[in-house]
Amino acid sequence: MYLEEEKDANETRRLVEKEGRKCLLIAGDIGDEGFCQEAVEKTVKEFGRIDILVKNAAEQHPQESIEKITAKQLERTFRTNIFSFFLITKAALKQCAALAGQ
């Protein structure tokens, strides 16, 4: 999954496929619960299951002082860096439970 870094995502896919593996690229905002659910569903549809979940996404908005950090920047940073751990895990657990019930 990636937000806007299509060039980096394609390079990652190239390296994964070079090793003889499959790579699914999904563009979207990991800080959005709906996106997390869709991404997990696409992954399970493509690969049949999720064996391991690695969340490696981060965002920052450097400022010269704390007074210059806007509420919007702070919320955006927490959505990506903190909330997304919960959102993607919740979506993955839901899919795992659904697969276990089959």
N, C-alpha and C. Protein backbone atom coordinates (compact mmCIF):
# COMPACT_ATOMS: atom_id res chain seq x y z
N MET A 1 0.84 -1.17 0.00
CA MET A 1 0.00 0.00 0.00
C MET A 1 0.89 1.23 0.00
N TYR A 2 0.44 2.24 -0.66
CA TYR A 2 1.17 3.50 -0.71
C TYR A 2 0.19 4.63 -0.93
N LEU A 3 0.59 5.83 -0.56
CA LEU A 3 -0.30 6.99 -0.70
C LEU A 3 -0.16 7.60 -2.10
N GLU A 4 0.98 8.17 -2.39
CA GLU A 4 1.20 8.83 -3.68
C GLU A 4 2.53 8.44 -4.33
N GLU A 5 3.30 7.62 -3.67
CA GLU A 5 4.66 7.32 -4.09
C GLU A 5 4.67 6.20 -5.13
N GLU A 6 4.04 6.45 -6.27
CA GLU A 6 3.88 5.42 -7.29
C GLU A 6 5.22 4.92 -7.83
N LYS A 7 6.17 5.81 -8.01
CA LYS A 7 7.48 5.41 -8.51
C LYS A 7 8.14 4.42 -7.54
N ASP A 8 8.12 4.74 -6.25
CA ASP A 8 8.69 3.85 -5.23
C ASP A 8 7.93 2.51 -5.19
N ALA A 9 6.62 2.58 -5.29
CA ALA A 9 5.80 1.37 -5.25
C ALA A 9 6.15 0.46 -6.44
N ASN A 10 6.30 1.03 -7.61
CA ASN A 10 6.63 0.24 -8.79
C ASN A 10 8.02 -0.37 -8.68
N GLU A 11 8.95 0.34 -8.07
CA GLU A 11 10.29 -0.20 -7.85
C GLU A 11 10.24 -1.36 -6.86
N THR A 12 9.44 -1.22 -5.82
CA THR A 12 9.26 -2.32 -4.88
C THR A 12 8.68 -3.53 -5.59
N ARG A 13 7.66 -3.30 -6.41
CA ARG A 13 7.06 -4.42 -7.16
C ARG A 13 8.11 -5.08 -8.05
N ARG A 14 8.91 -4.29 -8.72
CA ARG A 14 9.95 -4.84 -9.60
C ARG A 14 10.89 -5.76 -8.81
N LEU A 15 11.32 -5.29 -7.63
CA LEU A 15 12.24 -6.08 -6.81
C LEU A 15 11.59 -7.36 -6.28
N VAL A 16 10.34 -7.28 -5.88
CA VAL A 16 9.63 -8.46 -5.39
C VAL A 16 9.47 -9.47 -6.52
N GLU A 17 9.05 -9.00 -7.68
CA GLU A 17 8.83 -9.91 -8.81
C GLU A 17 10.14 -10.48 -9.33
N LYS A 18 11.22 -9.73 -9.20
CA LYS A 18 12.55 -10.22 -9.58
C LYS A 18 12.91 -11.47 -8.77
N GLU A 19 12.39 -11.55 -7.55
CA GLU A 19 12.63 -12.71 -6.68
C GLU A 19 11.62 -13.83 -6.91
N GLY A 20 10.81 -13.67 -7.96
CA GLY A 20 9.85 -14.71 -8.31
C GLY A 20 8.57 -14.70 -7.48
N ARG A 21 8.28 -13.58 -6.84
CA ARG A 21 7.08 -13.47 -6.00
C ARG A 21 6.07 -12.52 -6.62
N LYS A 22 4.86 -12.57 -6.11
CA LYS A 22 3.80 -11.67 -6.58
C LYS A 22 3.76 -10.43 -5.69
N CYS A 23 3.37 -9.33 -6.28
CA CYS A 23 3.27 -8.07 -5.54
C CYS A 23 1.99 -7.36 -5.98
N LEU A 24 1.18 -7.01 -5.02
CA LEU A 24 -0.06 -6.28 -5.27
C LEU A 24 0.12 -4.85 -4.78
N LEU A 25 -0.02 -3.89 -5.67
CA LEU A 25 0.08 -2.48 -5.27
C LEU A 25 -1.32 -1.92 -5.06
N ILE A 26 -1.51 -1.23 -3.94
CA ILE A 26 -2.80 -0.63 -3.62
C ILE A 26 -2.54 0.80 -3.17
N ALA A 27 -3.03 1.75 -3.93
CA ALA A 27 -2.84 3.16 -3.61
C ALA A 27 -3.99 3.66 -2.75
N GLY A 28 -3.67 4.39 -1.68
CA GLY A 28 -4.70 4.96 -0.84
C GLY A 28 -4.16 5.46 0.48
N ASP A 29 -5.04 5.93 1.31
CA ASP A 29 -4.70 6.56 2.58
C ASP A 29 -4.90 5.57 3.73
N ILE A 30 -3.81 5.10 4.30
CA ILE A 30 -3.86 4.11 5.39
C ILE A 30 -4.48 4.70 6.67
N GLY A 31 -4.65 6.00 6.71
CA GLY A 31 -5.30 6.64 7.84
C GLY A 31 -6.82 6.65 7.72
N ASP A 32 -7.34 6.08 6.64
CA ASP A 32 -8.77 6.02 6.39
C ASP A 32 -9.27 4.59 6.61
N GLU A 33 -10.22 4.41 7.51
CA GLU A 33 -10.69 3.07 7.87
C GLU A 33 -11.27 2.32 6.68
N GLY A 34 -12.03 3.01 5.85
CA GLY A 34 -12.61 2.36 4.67
C GLY A 34 -11.55 1.85 3.72
N PHE A 35 -10.50 2.66 3.53
CA PHE A 35 -9.40 2.21 2.67
C PHE A 35 -8.74 0.97 3.24
N CYS A 36 -8.50 0.95 4.54
CA CYS A 36 -7.86 -0.21 5.18
C CYS A 36 -8.69 -1.47 4.95
N GLN A 37 -10.00 -1.36 5.10
CA GLN A 37 -10.88 -2.51 4.88
C GLN A 37 -10.80 -2.99 3.44
N GLU A 38 -10.87 -2.05 2.49
CA GLU A 38 -10.78 -2.40 1.07
C GLU A 38 -9.44 -3.04 0.73
N ALA A 39 -8.37 -2.49 1.26
CA ALA A 39 -7.03 -3.00 0.96
C ALA A 39 -6.86 -4.43 1.47
N VAL A 40 -7.35 -4.68 2.67
CA VAL A 40 -7.26 -6.03 3.22
C VAL A 40 -8.12 -6.99 2.39
N GLU A 41 -9.31 -6.57 2.01
CA GLU A 41 -10.17 -7.41 1.19
C GLU A 41 -9.52 -7.73 -0.16
N LYS A 42 -8.91 -6.74 -0.80
CA LYS A 42 -8.21 -6.96 -2.07
C LYS A 42 -7.05 -7.93 -1.89
N THR A 43 -6.34 -7.78 -0.80
CA THR A 43 -5.19 -8.65 -0.53
C THR A 43 -5.64 -10.09 -0.35
N VAL A 44 -6.69 -10.29 0.43
CA VAL A 44 -7.21 -11.64 0.66
C VAL A 44 -7.75 -12.22 -0.65
N LYS A 45 -8.41 -11.41 -1.44
CA LYS A 45 -8.93 -11.87 -2.73
C LYS A 45 -7.77 -12.30 -3.65
N GLU A 46 -6.70 -11.54 -3.64
CA GLU A 46 -5.55 -11.83 -4.52
C GLU A 46 -4.73 -13.02 -4.03
N PHE A 47 -4.48 -13.11 -2.72
CA PHE A 47 -3.57 -14.11 -2.19
C PHE A 47 -4.24 -15.22 -1.37
N GLY A 48 -5.53 -15.05 -1.09
CA GLY A 48 -6.26 -16.08 -0.37
C GLY A 48 -6.23 -15.95 1.15
N ARG A 49 -5.26 -15.23 1.67
CA ARG A 49 -5.15 -15.05 3.12
C ARG A 49 -4.07 -14.01 3.41
N ILE A 50 -3.96 -13.66 4.68
CA ILE A 50 -2.88 -12.79 5.15
C ILE A 50 -2.07 -13.62 6.14
N ASP A 51 -0.80 -13.82 5.85
CA ASP A 51 0.07 -14.57 6.75
C ASP A 51 0.73 -13.68 7.78
N ILE A 52 1.07 -12.47 7.37
CA ILE A 52 1.75 -11.54 8.27
C ILE A 52 1.33 -10.13 7.89
N LEU A 53 1.21 -9.28 8.89
CA LEU A 53 0.82 -7.89 8.67
C LEU A 53 1.97 -6.99 9.12
N VAL A 54 2.52 -6.25 8.18
CA VAL A 54 3.59 -5.30 8.49
C VAL A 54 3.08 -3.92 8.14
N LYS A 55 3.06 -3.05 9.11
CA LYS A 55 2.61 -1.67 8.89
C LYS A 55 3.84 -0.79 8.99
N ASN A 56 4.26 -0.25 7.86
CA ASN A 56 5.46 0.57 7.80
C ASN A 56 5.14 1.84 7.02
N ALA A 57 4.39 2.71 7.63
CA ALA A 57 4.03 3.98 7.00
C ALA A 57 4.22 5.08 8.02
N ALA A 58 4.65 6.23 7.54
CA ALA A 58 4.85 7.35 8.46
C ALA A 58 4.71 8.66 7.70
N GLU A 59 4.42 9.68 8.45
CA GLU A 59 4.23 11.01 7.88
C GLU A 59 4.72 12.02 8.90
N GLN A 60 5.28 13.10 8.42
CA GLN A 60 5.66 14.19 9.32
C GLN A 60 5.55 15.52 8.59
N HIS A 61 5.38 16.56 9.37
CA HIS A 61 5.29 17.92 8.85
C HIS A 61 6.22 18.79 9.69
N PRO A 62 7.51 18.78 9.40
CA PRO A 62 8.47 19.54 10.22
C PRO A 62 8.12 21.03 10.27
N GLN A 63 8.23 21.59 11.44
CA GLN A 63 7.99 23.02 11.65
C GLN A 63 9.11 23.58 12.51
N GLU A 64 9.30 24.87 12.42
CA GLU A 64 10.35 25.53 13.20
C GLU A 64 10.03 25.58 14.69
N SER A 65 8.74 25.62 15.02
CA SER A 65 8.35 25.65 16.42
C SER A 65 6.98 24.98 16.57
N ILE A 66 6.66 24.60 17.80
CA ILE A 66 5.39 23.93 18.07
C ILE A 66 4.20 24.83 17.74
N GLU A 67 4.38 26.12 17.86
CA GLU A 67 3.29 27.05 17.56
C GLU A 67 2.88 27.01 16.09
N LYS A 68 3.76 26.54 15.23
CA LYS A 68 3.46 26.50 13.79
C LYS A 68 2.80 25.19 13.35
N ILE A 69 2.68 24.24 14.27
CA ILE A 69 2.02 22.98 13.92
C ILE A 69 0.52 23.20 14.01
N THR A 70 -0.16 22.98 12.90
CA THR A 70 -1.61 23.18 12.88
C THR A 70 -2.31 21.92 13.40
N ALA A 71 -3.53 22.12 13.82
CA ALA A 71 -4.34 20.98 14.28
C ALA A 71 -4.51 19.97 13.13
N LYS A 72 -4.65 20.47 11.91
CA LYS A 72 -4.80 19.61 10.74
C LYS A 72 -3.54 18.76 10.54
N GLN A 73 -2.36 19.38 10.68
CA GLN A 73 -1.10 18.64 10.54
C GLN A 73 -0.97 17.59 11.63
N LEU A 74 -1.31 17.95 12.84
CA LEU A 74 -1.20 17.03 13.97
C LEU A 74 -2.14 15.83 13.78
N GLU A 75 -3.37 16.10 13.40
CA GLU A 75 -4.33 15.02 13.18
C GLU A 75 -3.88 14.12 12.03
N ARG A 76 -3.41 14.71 10.96
CA ARG A 76 -2.95 13.94 9.80
C ARG A 76 -1.79 13.01 10.19
N THR A 77 -0.85 13.55 10.96
CA THR A 77 0.30 12.76 11.40
C THR A 77 -0.15 11.59 12.27
N PHE A 78 -1.05 11.83 13.20
CA PHE A 78 -1.53 10.77 14.07
C PHE A 78 -2.38 9.75 13.31
N ARG A 79 -3.15 10.21 12.32
CA ARG A 79 -3.95 9.28 11.52
C ARG A 79 -3.03 8.28 10.81
N THR A 80 -1.94 8.78 10.24
CA THR A 80 -1.02 7.91 9.51
C THR A 80 -0.13 7.11 10.45
N ASN A 81 0.44 7.76 11.44
CA ASN A 81 1.47 7.13 12.26
C ASN A 81 0.94 6.31 13.43
N ILE A 82 -0.24 6.62 13.91
CA ILE A 82 -0.77 5.93 15.10
C ILE A 82 -2.09 5.22 14.78
N PHE A 83 -3.09 5.95 14.35
CA PHE A 83 -4.40 5.36 14.13
C PHE A 83 -4.36 4.23 13.11
N SER A 84 -3.51 4.35 12.10
CA SER A 84 -3.47 3.34 11.04
C SER A 84 -3.09 1.96 11.57
N PHE A 85 -2.27 1.89 12.64
CA PHE A 85 -1.96 0.58 13.22
C PHE A 85 -3.25 -0.12 13.65
N PHE A 86 -4.10 0.61 14.33
CA PHE A 86 -5.38 0.07 14.78
C PHE A 86 -6.28 -0.27 13.61
N LEU A 87 -6.40 0.67 12.65
CA LEU A 87 -7.34 0.49 11.54
C LEU A 87 -7.00 -0.71 10.67
N ILE A 88 -5.73 -0.86 10.31
CA ILE A 88 -5.34 -1.97 9.43
C ILE A 88 -5.41 -3.30 10.19
N THR A 89 -5.06 -3.30 11.46
CA THR A 89 -5.14 -4.52 12.26
C THR A 89 -6.59 -4.95 12.42
N LYS A 90 -7.46 -4.01 12.69
CA LYS A 90 -8.89 -4.30 12.83
C LYS A 90 -9.44 -4.92 11.54
N ALA A 91 -9.07 -4.35 10.41
CA ALA A 91 -9.54 -4.87 9.12
C ALA A 91 -8.98 -6.27 8.87
N ALA A 92 -7.71 -6.48 9.19
CA ALA A 92 -7.10 -7.80 8.97
C ALA A 92 -7.72 -8.85 9.89
N LEU A 93 -7.97 -8.51 11.13
CA LEU A 93 -8.59 -9.47 12.06
C LEU A 93 -9.99 -9.86 11.60
N LYS A 94 -10.71 -8.89 11.07
CA LYS A 94 -12.05 -9.17 10.56
C LYS A 94 -11.98 -10.18 9.42
N GLN A 95 -11.02 -10.01 8.52
CA GLN A 95 -10.86 -10.94 7.41
C GLN A 95 -10.40 -12.31 7.90
N CYS A 96 -9.50 -12.34 8.85
CA CYS A 96 -9.01 -13.62 9.41
C CYS A 96 -10.17 -14.39 10.06
N ALA A 97 -11.01 -13.67 10.79
CA ALA A 97 -12.17 -14.31 11.43
C ALA A 97 -13.12 -14.86 10.37
N ALA A 98 -13.32 -14.09 9.31
CA ALA A 98 -14.21 -14.54 8.23
C ALA A 98 -13.65 -15.79 7.56
N LEU A 99 -12.33 -15.83 7.33
CA LEU A 99 -11.72 -16.98 6.70
C LEU A 99 -11.77 -18.20 7.61
N ALA A 100 -11.61 -17.99 8.91
CA ALA A 100 -11.63 -19.09 9.88
C ALA A 100 -13.02 -19.72 9.94
N GLY A 101 -14.03 -18.91 9.69
CA GLY A 101 -15.41 -19.41 9.74
C GLY A 101 -15.83 -20.15 8.50
N GLN A 102 -15.03 -20.17 7.48
CA GLN A 102 -15.40 -20.85 6.22
C GLN A 102 -15.31 -22.35 6.36
